[in-house]
């Protein structure tokens, strides 16, 4: 069971003191086997793993293991060292190399969005 987009919680303390312990209760009752957290900022995921009163089994982040952003690599030793699985969502950059502009909320910089649009246009010609 995953706690989705943890960076949008009103406070990390809510996740640490209420949400994760509630999921641990479900795990102990046999309702779920694994507990995970998801989000974009890898540092936030790391901090939650470090501070969690319960074992976090998996983290999922997106757009951090792509051609454009390999930040996930820096965090892998930390997660692996704690036996935390890692899921790399959106390894293709959430459509940056496809037709049309990405959504306004896309985490890429404007410079990267422009470069990807040029790369897509180039590929269409050749």
PDB file of N, CA and C in Angstrom:
ATOM      1  N   UNK A   1       0.851  -1.146   0.000  1.00  0.00           N
ATOM      2  CA  UNK A   1       0.000   0.000   0.000  1.00  0.00           C
ATOM      3  C   UNK A   1       0.913   1.230   0.000  1.00  0.00           C
ATOM      4  N   UNK A   2       0.590   2.183  -0.877  1.00  0.00           N
ATOM      5  CA  UNK A   2       1.449   3.354  -1.054  1.00  0.00           C
ATOM      6  C   UNK A   2       0.778   4.623  -0.532  1.00  0.00           C
ATOM      7  N   UNK A   3       1.597   5.461   0.075  1.00  0.00           N
ATOM      8  CA  UNK A   3       1.175   6.814   0.424  1.00  0.00           C
ATOM      9  C   UNK A   3       1.609   7.673  -0.756  1.00  0.00           C
ATOM     10  N   UNK A   4       0.655   8.221  -1.482  1.00  0.00           N
ATOM     11  CA  UNK A   4       0.910   8.872  -2.763  1.00  0.00           C
ATOM     12  C   UNK A   4       1.254  10.356  -2.606  1.00  0.00           C
ATOM     13  N   UNK A   5       2.272  10.790  -3.370  1.00  0.00           N
ATOM     14  CA  UNK A   5       2.679  12.205  -3.426  1.00  0.00           C
ATOM     15  C   UNK A   5       2.837  12.818  -2.039  1.00  0.00           C
ATOM     16  N   UNK A   6       3.750  12.250  -1.281  1.00  0.00           N
ATOM     17  CA  UNK A   6       3.945  12.669   0.110  1.00  0.00           C
ATOM     18  C   UNK A   6       4.324  14.138   0.252  1.00  0.00           C
ATOM     19  N   UNK A   7       4.901  14.717  -0.780  1.00  0.00           N
ATOM     20  CA  UNK A   7       5.323  16.120  -0.680  1.00  0.00           C
ATOM     21  C   UNK A   7       4.149  17.078  -0.549  1.00  0.00           C
ATOM     22  N   UNK A   8       2.953  16.604  -0.845  1.00  0.00           N
ATOM     23  CA  UNK A   8       1.780  17.472  -0.739  1.00  0.00           C
ATOM     24  C   UNK A   8       1.058  17.334   0.602  1.00  0.00           C
ATOM     25  N   UNK A   9       1.580  16.531   1.481  1.00  0.00           N
ATOM     26  CA  UNK A   9       0.975  16.404   2.814  1.00  0.00           C
ATOM     27  C   UNK A   9       1.134  17.728   3.561  1.00  0.00           C
ATOM     28  N   UNK A  10       0.188  18.068   4.421  1.00  0.00           N
ATOM     29  CA  UNK A  10       0.302  19.319   5.173  1.00  0.00           C
ATOM     30  C   UNK A  10       1.543  19.346   6.060  1.00  0.00           C
ATOM     31  N   UNK A  11       2.027  18.159   6.426  1.00  0.00           N
ATOM     32  CA  UNK A  11       3.201  18.061   7.289  1.00  0.00           C
ATOM     33  C   UNK A  11       3.768  16.652   7.178  1.00  0.00           C
ATOM     34  N   UNK A  12       5.087  16.536   7.172  1.00  0.00           N
ATOM     35  CA  UNK A  12       5.697  15.208   7.177  1.00  0.00           C
ATOM     36  C   UNK A  12       5.367  14.488   8.480  1.00  0.00           C
ATOM     37  N   UNK A  13       5.146  15.251   9.549  1.00  0.00           N
ATOM     38  CA  UNK A  13       4.805  14.635  10.829  1.00  0.00           C
ATOM     39  C   UNK A  13       3.493  13.862  10.752  1.00  0.00           C
ATOM     40  N   UNK A  14       2.545  14.337   9.958  1.00  0.00           N
ATOM     41  CA  UNK A  14       1.283  13.610   9.791  1.00  0.00           C
ATOM     42  C   UNK A  14       1.562  12.236   9.185  1.00  0.00           C
ATOM     43  N   UNK A  15       2.419  12.208   8.186  1.00  0.00           N
ATOM     44  CA  UNK A  15       2.760  10.929   7.550  1.00  0.00           C
ATOM     45  C   UNK A  15       3.499  10.026   8.530  1.00  0.00           C
ATOM     46  N   UNK A  16       4.472  10.605   9.240  1.00  0.00           N
ATOM     47  CA  UNK A  16       5.297   9.814  10.150  1.00  0.00           C
ATOM     48  C   UNK A  16       4.550   9.339  11.391  1.00  0.00           C
ATOM     49  N   UNK A  17       3.690  10.172  11.921  1.00  0.00           N
ATOM     50  CA  UNK A  17       3.047   9.854  13.198  1.00  0.00           C
ATOM     51  C   UNK A  17       1.661   9.231  13.059  1.00  0.00           C
ATOM     52  N   UNK A  18       1.032   9.419  11.897  1.00  0.00           N
ATOM     53  CA  UNK A  18      -0.327   8.900  11.736  1.00  0.00           C
ATOM     54  C   UNK A  18      -0.455   7.919  10.570  1.00  0.00           C
ATOM     55  N   UNK A  19      -0.079   8.375   9.380  1.00  0.00           N
ATOM     56  CA  UNK A  19      -0.323   7.570   8.183  1.00  0.00           C
ATOM     57  C   UNK A  19       0.470   6.268   8.183  1.00  0.00           C
ATOM     58  N   UNK A  20       1.785   6.359   8.336  1.00  0.00           N
ATOM     59  CA  UNK A  20       2.605   5.147   8.287  1.00  0.00           C
ATOM     60  C   UNK A  20       2.283   4.186   9.434  1.00  0.00           C
ATOM     61  N   UNK A  21       2.091   4.662  10.663  1.00  0.00           N
ATOM     62  CA  UNK A  21       1.673   3.728  11.717  1.00  0.00           C
ATOM     63  C   UNK A  21       0.323   3.056  11.421  1.00  0.00           C
ATOM     64  N   UNK A  22      -0.597   3.780  10.796  1.00  0.00           N
ATOM     65  CA  UNK A  22      -1.884   3.169  10.425  1.00  0.00           C
ATOM     66  C   UNK A  22      -1.671   2.061   9.397  1.00  0.00           C
ATOM     67  N   UNK A  23      -0.769   2.294   8.448  1.00  0.00           N
ATOM     68  CA  UNK A  23      -0.475   1.253   7.458  1.00  0.00           C
ATOM     69  C   UNK A  23       0.216   0.060   8.111  1.00  0.00           C
ATOM     70  N   UNK A  24       1.054   0.329   9.099  1.00  0.00           N
ATOM     71  CA  UNK A  24       1.699  -0.774   9.817  1.00  0.00           C
ATOM     72  C   UNK A  24       0.655  -1.626  10.538  1.00  0.00           C
ATOM     73  N   UNK A  25      -0.371  -0.998  11.074  1.00  0.00           N
ATOM     74  CA  UNK A  25      -1.470  -1.739  11.702  1.00  0.00           C
ATOM     75  C   UNK A  25      -2.137  -2.656  10.676  1.00  0.00           C
ATOM     76  N   UNK A  26      -2.329  -2.146   9.461  1.00  0.00           N
ATOM     77  CA  UNK A  26      -2.908  -2.970   8.389  1.00  0.00           C
ATOM     78  C   UNK A  26      -1.977  -4.117   8.013  1.00  0.00           C
ATOM     79  N   UNK A  27      -0.680  -3.843   8.004  1.00  0.00           N
ATOM     80  CA  UNK A  27       0.272  -4.912   7.678  1.00  0.00           C
ATOM     81  C   UNK A  27       0.212  -5.997   8.759  1.00  0.00           C
ATOM     82  N   UNK A  28       0.213  -5.586  10.009  1.00  0.00           N
ATOM     83  CA  UNK A  28       0.164  -6.553  11.112  1.00  0.00           C
ATOM     84  C   UNK A  28      -1.124  -7.382  11.078  1.00  0.00           C
ATOM     85  N   UNK A  29      -2.196  -6.788  10.558  1.00  0.00           N
ATOM     86  CA  UNK A  29      -3.476  -7.501  10.450  1.00  0.00           C
ATOM     87  C   UNK A  29      -3.546  -8.377   9.204  1.00  0.00           C
ATOM     88  N   UNK A  30      -2.499  -8.339   8.373  1.00  0.00           N
ATOM     89  CA  UNK A  30      -2.472  -9.151   7.166  1.00  0.00           C
ATOM     90  C   UNK A  30      -3.246  -8.563   5.999  1.00  0.00           C
ATOM     91  N   UNK A  31      -3.621  -7.308   6.093  1.00  0.00           N
ATOM     92  CA  UNK A  31      -4.396  -6.666   5.025  1.00  0.00           C
ATOM     93  C   UNK A  31      -3.494  -6.195   3.888  1.00  0.00           C
ATOM     94  N   UNK A  32      -2.275  -5.818   4.218  1.00  0.00           N
ATOM     95  CA  UNK A  32      -1.300  -5.441   3.195  1.00  0.00           C
ATOM     96  C   UNK A  32       0.033  -6.079   3.555  1.00  0.00           C
ATOM     97  N   UNK A  33       0.844  -6.337   2.550  1.00  0.00           N
ATOM     98  CA  UNK A  33       2.167  -6.934   2.803  1.00  0.00           C
ATOM     99  C   UNK A  33       3.264  -5.891   2.829  1.00  0.00           C
ATOM    100  N   UNK A  34       3.115  -4.873   1.991  1.00  0.00           N
ATOM    101  CA  UNK A  34       4.191  -3.907   1.828  1.00  0.00           C
ATOM    102  C   UNK A  34       3.674  -2.488   2.015  1.00  0.00           C
ATOM    103  N   UNK A  35       4.572  -1.637   2.488  1.00  0.00           N
ATOM    104  CA  UNK A  35       4.260  -0.224   2.683  1.00  0.00           C
ATOM    105  C   UNK A  35       5.234   0.581   1.837  1.00  0.00           C
ATOM    106  N   UNK A  36       4.699   1.549   1.105  1.00  0.00           N
ATOM    107  CA  UNK A  36       5.550   2.380   0.269  1.00  0.00           C
ATOM    108  C   UNK A  36       5.121   3.829   0.287  1.00  0.00           C
ATOM    109  N   UNK A  37       5.995   4.656  -0.250  1.00  0.00           N
ATOM    110  CA  UNK A  37       5.719   6.084  -0.385  1.00  0.00           C
ATOM    111  C   UNK A  37       6.081   6.513  -1.798  1.00  0.00           C
ATOM    112  N   UNK A  38       5.366   7.510  -2.307  1.00  0.00           N
ATOM    113  CA  UNK A  38       5.642   8.017  -3.646  1.00  0.00           C
ATOM    114  C   UNK A  38       5.799   9.523  -3.597  1.00  0.00           C
ATOM    115  N   UNK A  39       6.542  10.042  -4.573  1.00  0.00           N
ATOM    116  CA  UNK A  39       6.697  11.486  -4.678  1.00  0.00           C
ATOM    117  C   UNK A  39       7.781  11.843  -5.669  1.00  0.00           C
ATOM    118  N   UNK A  40       7.852  13.106  -5.995  1.00  0.00           N
ATOM    119  CA  UNK A  40       8.863  13.604  -6.924  1.00  0.00           C
ATOM    120  C   UNK A  40      10.185  13.927  -6.224  1.00  0.00           C
ATOM    121  N   UNK A  41      10.173  14.647  -5.094  1.00  0.00           N
ATOM    122  CA  UNK A  41      11.450  15.036  -4.472  1.00  0.00           C
ATOM    123  C   UNK A  41      12.115  13.853  -3.760  1.00  0.00           C
ATOM    124  N   UNK A  42      13.224  13.423  -4.290  1.00  0.00           N
ATOM    125  CA  UNK A  42      13.920  12.275  -3.722  1.00  0.00           C
ATOM    126  C   UNK A  42      14.395  12.533  -2.299  1.00  0.00           C
ATOM    127  N   UNK A  43      14.786  13.753  -2.000  1.00  0.00           N
ATOM    128  CA  UNK A  43      15.240  14.059  -0.646  1.00  0.00           C
ATOM    129  C   UNK A  43      14.111  13.863   0.367  1.00  0.00           C
ATOM    130  N   UNK A  44      12.899  14.204  -0.018  1.00  0.00           N
ATOM    131  CA  UNK A  44      11.756  13.992   0.869  1.00  0.00           C
ATOM    132  C   UNK A  44      11.541  12.505   1.117  1.00  0.00           C
ATOM    133  N   UNK A  45      11.649  11.699   0.068  1.00  0.00           N
ATOM    134  CA  UNK A  45      11.503  10.251   0.228  1.00  0.00           C
ATOM    135  C   UNK A  45      12.591   9.707   1.150  1.00  0.00           C
ATOM    136  N   UNK A  46      13.799  10.184   0.955  1.00  0.00           N
ATOM    137  CA  UNK A  46      14.914   9.750   1.807  1.00  0.00           C
ATOM    138  C   UNK A  46      14.659  10.106   3.271  1.00  0.00           C
ATOM    139  N   UNK A  47      14.247  11.338   3.510  1.00  0.00           N
ATOM    140  CA  UNK A  47      14.001  11.775   4.886  1.00  0.00           C
ATOM    141  C   UNK A  47      12.905  10.944   5.552  1.00  0.00           C
ATOM    142  N   UNK A  48      11.871  10.620   4.801  1.00  0.00           N
ATOM    143  CA  UNK A  48      10.807   9.794   5.378  1.00  0.00           C
ATOM    144  C   UNK A  48      11.313   8.389   5.702  1.00  0.00           C
ATOM    145  N   UNK A  49      12.117   7.820   4.823  1.00  0.00           N
ATOM    146  CA  UNK A  49      12.686   6.497   5.105  1.00  0.00           C
ATOM    147  C   UNK A  49      13.550   6.565   6.362  1.00  0.00           C
ATOM    148  N   UNK A  50      14.354   7.617   6.482  1.00  0.00           N
ATOM    149  CA  UNK A  50      15.231   7.763   7.648  1.00  0.00           C
ATOM    150  C   UNK A  50      14.442   7.913   8.945  1.00  0.00           C
ATOM    151  N   UNK A  51      13.369   8.653   8.906  1.00  0.00           N
ATOM    152  CA  UNK A  51      12.633   9.008  10.123  1.00  0.00           C
ATOM    153  C   UNK A  51      11.446   8.104  10.432  1.00  0.00           C
ATOM    154  N   UNK A  52      11.090   7.242   9.518  1.00  0.00           N
ATOM    155  CA  UNK A  52       9.874   6.443   9.679  1.00  0.00           C
ATOM    156  C   UNK A  52       9.964   5.491  10.875  1.00  0.00           C
ATOM    157  N   UNK A  53       8.897   5.447  11.666  1.00  0.00           N
ATOM    158  CA  UNK A  53       8.862   4.492  12.773  1.00  0.00           C
ATOM    159  C   UNK A  53       8.550   3.065  12.307  1.00  0.00           C
ATOM    160  N   UNK A  54       8.169   2.919  11.042  1.00  0.00           N
ATOM    161  CA  UNK A  54       7.877   1.597  10.486  1.00  0.00           C
ATOM    162  C   UNK A  54       8.752   1.375   9.255  1.00  0.00           C
ATOM    163  N   UNK A  55       8.916   0.127   8.890  1.00  0.00           N
ATOM    164  CA  UNK A  55       9.729  -0.218   7.717  1.00  0.00           C
ATOM    165  C   UNK A  55       8.997   0.194   6.446  1.00  0.00           C
ATOM    166  N   UNK A  56       9.639   1.026   5.657  1.00  0.00           N
ATOM    167  CA  UNK A  56       9.135   1.369   4.327  1.00  0.00           C
ATOM    168  C   UNK A  56       9.794   0.403   3.357  1.00  0.00           C
ATOM    169  N   UNK A  57       8.984  -0.306   2.606  1.00  0.00           N
ATOM    170  CA  UNK A  57       9.492  -1.353   1.725  1.00  0.00           C
ATOM    171  C   UNK A  57       9.863  -0.858   0.342  1.00  0.00           C
ATOM    172  N   UNK A  58       9.174   0.178  -0.121  1.00  0.00           N
ATOM    173  CA  UNK A  58       9.399   0.643  -1.489  1.00  0.00           C
ATOM    174  C   UNK A  58       9.135   2.139  -1.584  1.00  0.00           C
ATOM    175  N   UNK A  59       9.922   2.790  -2.440  1.00  0.00           N
ATOM    176  CA  UNK A  59       9.664   4.184  -2.802  1.00  0.00           C
ATOM    177  C   UNK A  59       9.457   4.239  -4.307  1.00  0.00           C
ATOM    178  N   UNK A  60       8.615   5.158  -4.738  1.00  0.00           N
ATOM    179  CA  UNK A  60       8.378   5.378  -6.161  1.00  0.00           C
ATOM    180  C   UNK A  60       8.527   6.865  -6.419  1.00  0.00           C
ATOM    181  N   UNK A  61       9.400   7.186  -7.363  1.00  0.00           N
ATOM    182  CA  UNK A  61       9.534   8.566  -7.802  1.00  0.00           C
ATOM    183  C   UNK A  61       9.419   8.580  -9.314  1.00  0.00           C
ATOM    184  N   UNK A  62       9.216   9.745  -9.866  1.00  0.00           N
ATOM    185  CA  UNK A  62       9.021   9.828 -11.310  1.00  0.00           C
ATOM    186  C   UNK A  62       9.921  10.902 -11.911  1.00  0.00           C
ATOM    187  N   UNK A  63      10.296  10.653 -13.157  1.00  0.00           N
ATOM    188  CA  UNK A  63      11.123  11.593 -13.933  1.00  0.00           C
ATOM    189  C   UNK A  63      12.487  11.837 -13.300  1.00  0.00           C
ATOM    190  N   UNK A  64      12.985  10.912 -12.499  1.00  0.00           N
ATOM    191  CA  UNK A  64      14.288  11.090 -11.866  1.00  0.00           C
ATOM    192  C   UNK A  64      15.299  10.046 -12.322  1.00  0.00           C
ATOM    193  N   UNK A  65      14.882   9.202 -13.255  1.00  0.00           N
ATOM    194  CA  UNK A  65      15.779   8.230 -13.861  1.00  0.00           C
ATOM    195  C   UNK A  65      15.499   8.211 -15.350  1.00  0.00           C
ATOM    196  N   UNK A  66      15.856   9.304 -16.017  1.00  0.00           N
ATOM    197  CA  UNK A  66      15.550   9.483 -17.439  1.00  0.00           C
ATOM    198  C   UNK A  66      16.806   9.899 -18.184  1.00  0.00           C
ATOM    199  N   UNK A  67      16.661  10.113 -19.487  1.00  0.00           N
ATOM    200  CA  UNK A  67      17.765  10.680 -20.259  1.00  0.00           C
ATOM    201  C   UNK A  67      18.106  12.078 -19.763  1.00  0.00           C
ATOM    202  N   UNK A  68      17.117  12.767 -19.201  1.00  0.00           N
ATOM    203  CA  UNK A  68      17.281  14.176 -18.846  1.00  0.00           C
ATOM    204  C   UNK A  68      17.685  14.387 -17.393  1.00  0.00           C
ATOM    205  N   UNK A  69      17.378  13.438 -16.551  1.00  0.00           N
ATOM    206  CA  UNK A  69      17.594  13.604 -15.113  1.00  0.00           C
ATOM    207  C   UNK A  69      17.952  12.246 -14.518  1.00  0.00           C
ATOM    208  N   UNK A  70      19.178  12.112 -14.088  1.00  0.00           N
ATOM    209  CA  UNK A  70      19.620  10.855 -13.482  1.00  0.00           C
ATOM    210  C   UNK A  70      19.840  10.989 -11.978  1.00  0.00           C
ATOM    211  N   UNK A  71      19.134  11.906 -11.351  1.00  0.00           N
ATOM    212  CA  UNK A  71      19.281  12.145  -9.921  1.00  0.00           C
ATOM    213  C   UNK A  71      19.044  10.881  -9.105  1.00  0.00           C
ATOM    214  N   UNK A  72      18.177  10.011  -9.585  1.00  0.00           N
ATOM    215  CA  UNK A  72      17.865   8.786  -8.850  1.00  0.00           C
ATOM    216  C   UNK A  72      19.122   7.975  -8.539  1.00  0.00           C
ATOM    217  N   UNK A  73      20.091   8.008  -9.436  1.00  0.00           N
ATOM    218  CA  UNK A  73      21.341   7.263  -9.222  1.00  0.00           C
ATOM    219  C   UNK A  73      22.011   7.633  -7.900  1.00  0.00           C
ATOM    220  N   UNK A  74      21.983   8.913  -7.574  1.00  0.00           N
ATOM    221  CA  UNK A  74      22.638   9.386  -6.352  1.00  0.00           C
ATOM    222  C   UNK A  74      21.993   8.802  -5.099  1.00  0.00           C
ATOM    223  N   UNK A  75      20.724   8.487  -5.174  1.00  0.00           N
ATOM    224  CA  UNK A  75      19.979   8.009  -4.010  1.00  0.00           C
ATOM    225  C   UNK A  75      19.920   6.488  -3.912  1.00  0.00           C
ATOM    226  N   UNK A  76      20.268   5.798  -4.982  1.00  0.00           N
ATOM    227  CA  UNK A  76      20.151   4.340  -4.988  1.00  0.00           C
ATOM    228  C   UNK A  76      20.938   3.667  -3.863  1.00  0.00           C
ATOM    229  N   UNK A  77      22.196   4.044  -3.610  1.00  0.00           N
ATOM    230  CA  UNK A  77      22.920   3.376  -2.521  1.00  0.00           C
ATOM    231  C   UNK A  77      22.215   3.522  -1.169  1.00  0.00           C
ATOM    232  N   UNK A  78      21.641   4.683  -0.925  1.00  0.00           N
ATOM    233  CA  UNK A  78      20.917   4.885   0.332  1.00  0.00           C
ATOM    234  C   UNK A  78      19.750   3.912   0.440  1.00  0.00           C
ATOM    235  N   UNK A  79      18.899   3.880  -0.591  1.00  0.00           N
ATOM    236  CA  UNK A  79      17.723   3.014  -0.538  1.00  0.00           C
ATOM    237  C   UNK A  79      18.117   1.537  -0.504  1.00  0.00           C
ATOM    238  N   UNK A  80      19.078   1.155  -1.328  1.00  0.00           N
ATOM    239  CA  UNK A  80      19.513  -0.238  -1.353  1.00  0.00           C
ATOM    240  C   UNK A  80      20.101  -0.652  -0.009  1.00  0.00           C
ATOM    241  N   UNK A  81      20.851   0.249   0.602  1.00  0.00           N
ATOM    242  CA  UNK A  81      21.462  -0.045   1.891  1.00  0.00           C
ATOM    243  C   UNK A  81      20.455  -0.275   3.004  1.00  0.00           C
ATOM    244  N   UNK A  82      19.261   0.188   2.815  1.00  0.00           N
ATOM    245  CA  UNK A  82      18.199   0.005   3.811  1.00  0.00           C
ATOM    246  C   UNK A  82      17.165  -1.027   3.366  1.00  0.00           C
ATOM    247  N   UNK A  83      17.463  -1.718   2.273  1.00  0.00           N
ATOM    248  CA  UNK A  83      16.550  -2.753   1.800  1.00  0.00           C
ATOM    249  C   UNK A  83      15.234  -2.213   1.278  1.00  0.00           C
ATOM    250  N   UNK A  84      15.269  -0.996   0.760  1.00  0.00           N
ATOM    251  CA  UNK A  84      14.064  -0.354   0.229  1.00  0.00           C
ATOM    252  C   UNK A  84      14.062  -0.520  -1.287  1.00  0.00           C
ATOM    253  N   UNK A  85      12.994  -1.093  -1.824  1.00  0.00           N
ATOM    254  CA  UNK A  85      12.857  -1.204  -3.268  1.00  0.00           C
ATOM    255  C   UNK A  85      12.610   0.162  -3.884  1.00  0.00           C
ATOM    256  N   UNK A  86      12.993   0.304  -5.136  1.00  0.00           N
ATOM    257  CA  UNK A  86      12.829   1.577  -5.842  1.00  0.00           C
ATOM    258  C   UNK A  86      12.101   1.329  -7.154  1.00  0.00           C
ATOM    259  N   UNK A  87      11.024   2.068  -7.372  1.00  0.00           N
ATOM    260  CA  UNK A  87      10.309   2.036  -8.647  1.00  0.00           C
ATOM    261  C   UNK A  87      10.542   3.375  -9.334  1.00  0.00           C
ATOM    262  N   UNK A  88      10.987   3.299 -10.572  1.00  0.00           N
ATOM    263  CA  UNK A  88      11.258   4.500 -11.359  1.00  0.00           C
ATOM    264  C   UNK A  88      10.092   4.716 -12.319  1.00  0.00           C
ATOM    265  N   UNK A  89       9.172   5.557 -11.934  1.00  0.00           N
ATOM    266  CA  UNK A  89       8.018   5.835 -12.788  1.00  0.00           C
ATOM    267  C   UNK A  89       8.391   6.881 -13.833  1.00  0.00           C
ATOM    268  N   UNK A  90       7.722   6.836 -14.950  1.00  0.00           N
ATOM    269  CA  UNK A  90       7.917   7.780 -16.051  1.00  0.00           C
ATOM    270  C   UNK A  90       9.372   7.826 -16.524  1.00  0.00           C
ATOM    271  N   UNK A  91       9.971   6.655 -16.824  1.00  0.00           N
ATOM    272  CA  UNK A  91      11.360   6.660 -17.278  1.00  0.00           C
ATOM    273  C   UNK A  91      11.553   7.359 -18.623  1.00  0.00           C
ATOM    274  N   UNK A  92      10.462   7.614 -19.334  1.00  0.00           N
ATOM    275  CA  UNK A  92      10.549   8.324 -20.611  1.00  0.00           C
ATOM    276  C   UNK A  92      10.220   9.803 -20.457  1.00  0.00           C
ATOM    277  N   UNK A  93      10.207  10.290 -19.233  1.00  0.00           N
ATOM    278  CA  UNK A  93      10.072  11.729 -19.016  1.00  0.00           C
ATOM    279  C   UNK A  93       8.665  12.272 -19.143  1.00  0.00           C
ATOM    280  N   UNK A  94       7.661  11.439 -18.941  1.00  0.00           N
ATOM    281  CA  UNK A  94       6.268  11.887 -19.002  1.00  0.00           C
ATOM    282  C   UNK A  94       5.943  12.592 -20.313  1.00  0.00           C
ATOM    283  N   UNK A  95       6.413  12.007 -21.410  1.00  0.00           N
ATOM    284  CA  UNK A  95       6.024  12.501 -22.724  1.00  0.00           C
ATOM    285  C   UNK A  95       6.817  13.666 -23.271  1.00  0.00           C
ATOM    286  N   UNK A  96       7.968  13.965 -22.703  1.00  0.00           N
ATOM    287  CA  UNK A  96       8.732  15.114 -23.197  1.00  0.00           C
ATOM    288  C   UNK A  96       9.160  14.958 -24.650  1.00  0.00           C
ATOM    289  N   UNK A  97       9.362  13.732 -25.093  1.00  0.00           N
ATOM    290  CA  UNK A  97       9.810  13.530 -26.477  1.00  0.00           C
ATOM    291  C   UNK A  97       8.665  13.112 -27.390  1.00  0.00           C
ATOM    292  N   UNK A  98       7.475  13.541 -27.073  1.00  0.00           N
ATOM    293  CA  UNK A  98       6.322  13.223 -27.908  1.00  0.00           C
ATOM    294  C   UNK A  98       5.722  14.498 -28.477  1.00  0.00           C
ATOM    295  N   UNK A  99       4.783  14.320 -29.394  1.00  0.00           N
ATOM    296  CA  UNK A  99       4.123  15.450 -30.041  1.00  0.00           C
ATOM    297  C   UNK A  99       3.367  16.281 -29.010  1.00  0.00           C
ATOM    298  N   UNK A 100       3.407  17.550 -29.198  1.00  0.00           N
ATOM    299  CA  UNK A 100       2.645  18.441 -28.320  1.00  0.00           C
ATOM    300  C   UNK A 100       3.423  18.811 -27.076  1.00  0.00           C
ATOM    301  N   UNK A 101       3.072  19.917 -26.508  1.00  0.00           N
ATOM    302  CA  UNK A 101       3.788  20.339 -25.304  1.00  0.00           C
ATOM    303  C   UNK A 101       3.344  19.516 -24.093  1.00  0.00           C
ATOM    304  N   UNK A 102       4.241  19.358 -23.123  1.00  0.00           N
ATOM    305  CA  UNK A 102       3.841  18.678 -21.891  1.00  0.00           C
ATOM    306  C   UNK A 102       2.887  19.567 -21.088  1.00  0.00           C
ATOM    307  N   UNK A 103       2.197  19.010 -20.137  1.00  0.00           N
ATOM    308  CA  UNK A 103       1.298  19.826 -19.318  1.00  0.00           C
ATOM    309  C   UNK A 103       2.063  20.923 -18.566  1.00  0.00           C
ATOM    310  N   UNK A 104       1.373  21.989 -18.223  1.00  0.00           N
ATOM    311  CA  UNK A 104       2.024  23.113 -17.522  1.00  0.00           C
ATOM    312  C   UNK A 104       2.673  22.685 -16.211  1.00  0.00           C
ATOM    313  N   UNK A 105       2.104  21.700 -15.545  1.00  0.00           N
ATOM    314  CA  UNK A 105       2.619  21.273 -14.251  1.00  0.00           C
ATOM    315  C   UNK A 105       3.820  20.334 -14.357  1.00  0.00           C
ATOM    316  N   UNK A 106       4.234  19.998 -15.572  1.00  0.00           N
ATOM    317  CA  UNK A 106       5.358  19.076 -15.757  1.00  0.00           C
ATOM    318  C   UNK A 106       6.583  19.611 -15.018  1.00  0.00           C
ATOM    319  N   UNK A 107       7.338  18.740 -14.327  1.00  0.00           N
ATOM    320  CA  UNK A 107       8.456  19.216 -13.511  1.00  0.00           C
ATOM    321  C   UNK A 107       9.697  19.663 -14.281  1.00  0.00           C
ATOM    322  N   UNK A 108       9.762  19.429 -15.591  1.00  0.00           N
ATOM    323  CA  UNK A 108      10.942  19.830 -16.363  1.00  0.00           C
ATOM    324  C   UNK A 108      11.039  21.351 -16.451  1.00  0.00           C
ATOM    325  N   UNK A 109      12.269  21.821 -16.597  1.00  0.00           N
ATOM    326  CA  UNK A 109      12.480  23.256 -16.791  1.00  0.00           C
ATOM    327  C   UNK A 109      11.990  23.650 -18.180  1.00  0.00           C
ATOM    328  N   UNK A 110      11.725  24.925 -18.370  1.00  0.00           N
ATOM    329  CA  UNK A 110      11.319  25.405 -19.698  1.00  0.00           C
ATOM    330  C   UNK A 110      12.412  25.132 -20.722  1.00  0.00           C
ATOM    331  N   UNK A 111      13.652  25.286 -20.313  1.00  0.00           N
ATOM    332  CA  UNK A 111      14.779  25.024 -21.214  1.00  0.00           C
ATOM    333  C   UNK A 111      14.762  23.566 -21.686  1.00  0.00           C
ATOM    334  N   UNK A 112      14.535  22.638 -20.782  1.00  0.00           N
ATOM    335  CA  UNK A 112      14.483  21.227 -21.155  1.00  0.00           C
ATOM    336  C   UNK A 112      13.277  20.938 -22.040  1.00  0.00           C
ATOM    337  N   UNK A 113      12.138  21.524 -21.714  1.00  0.00           N
ATOM    338  CA  UNK A 113      10.946  21.339 -22.551  1.00  0.00           C
ATOM    339  C   UNK A 113      11.211  21.817 -23.975  1.00  0.00           C
ATOM    340  N   UNK A 114      11.861  22.970 -24.119  1.00  0.00           N
ATOM    341  CA  UNK A 114      12.186  23.497 -25.448  1.00  0.00           C
ATOM    342  C   UNK A 114      13.153  22.575 -26.185  1.00  0.00           C
ATOM    343  N   UNK A 115      14.180  22.093 -25.487  1.00  0.00           N
ATOM    344  CA  UNK A 115      15.157  21.199 -26.115  1.00  0.00           C
ATOM    345  C   UNK A 115      14.481  19.910 -26.588  1.00  0.00           C
ATOM    346  N   UNK A 116      13.578  19.381 -25.800  1.00  0.00           N
ATOM    347  CA  UNK A 116      12.872  18.155 -26.187  1.00  0.00           C
ATOM    348  C   UNK A 116      11.949  18.400 -27.374  1.00  0.00           C
ATOM    349  N   UNK A 117      11.317  19.555 -27.410  1.00  0.00           N
ATOM    350  CA  UNK A 117      10.458  19.891 -28.554  1.00  0.00           C
ATOM    351  C   UNK A 117      11.295  19.979 -29.830  1.00  0.00           C
ATOM    352  N   UNK A 118      12.492  20.565 -29.727  1.00  0.00           N
ATOM    353  CA  UNK A 118      13.382  20.642 -30.895  1.00  0.00           C
ATOM    354  C   UNK A 118      13.842  19.243 -31.316  1.00  0.00           C
ATOM    355  N   UNK A 119      14.154  18.391 -30.345  1.00  0.00           N
ATOM    356  CA  UNK A 119      14.576  17.023 -30.658  1.00  0.00           C
ATOM    357  C   UNK A 119      13.445  16.258 -31.346  1.00  0.00           C
ATOM    358  N   UNK A 120      12.233  16.432 -30.866  1.00  0.00           N
ATOM    359  CA  UNK A 120      11.088  15.772 -31.485  1.00  0.00           C
ATOM    360  C   UNK A 120      10.921  16.262 -32.926  1.00  0.00           C
ATOM    361  N   UNK A 121      11.007  17.572 -33.130  1.00  0.00           N
ATOM    362  CA  UNK A 121      10.864  18.144 -34.476  1.00  0.00           C
ATOM    363  C   UNK A 121      11.961  17.615 -35.401  1.00  0.00           C
ATOM    364  N   UNK A 122      13.173  17.523 -34.897  1.00  0.00           N
ATOM    365  CA  UNK A 122      14.286  16.999 -35.680  1.00  0.00           C
ATOM    366  C   UNK A 122      13.993  15.560 -36.110  1.00  0.00           C
ATOM    367  N   UNK A 123      13.520  14.749 -35.188  1.00  0.00           N
ATOM    368  CA  UNK A 123      13.216  13.348 -35.502  1.00  0.00           C
ATOM    369  C   UNK A 123      12.099  13.229 -36.535  1.00  0.00           C
ATOM    370  N   UNK A 124      11.166  14.157 -36.539  1.00  0.00           N
ATOM    371  CA  UNK A 124      10.080  14.127 -37.514  1.00  0.00           C
ATOM    372  C   UNK A 124      10.598  14.395 -38.925  1.00  0.00           C
ATOM    373  N   UNK A 125      11.622  15.217 -39.025  1.00  0.00           N
ATOM    374  CA  UNK A 125      12.194  15.547 -40.333  1.00  0.00           C
ATOM    375  C   UNK A 125      13.037  14.385 -40.854  1.00  0.00           C
ATOM    376  N   UNK A 126      13.769  13.740 -39.974  1.00  0.00           N
ATOM    377  CA  UNK A 126      14.700  12.703 -40.396  1.00  0.00           C
ATOM    378  C   UNK A 126      14.223  11.344 -39.961  1.00  0.00           C
TER     379      UNK A 126
END
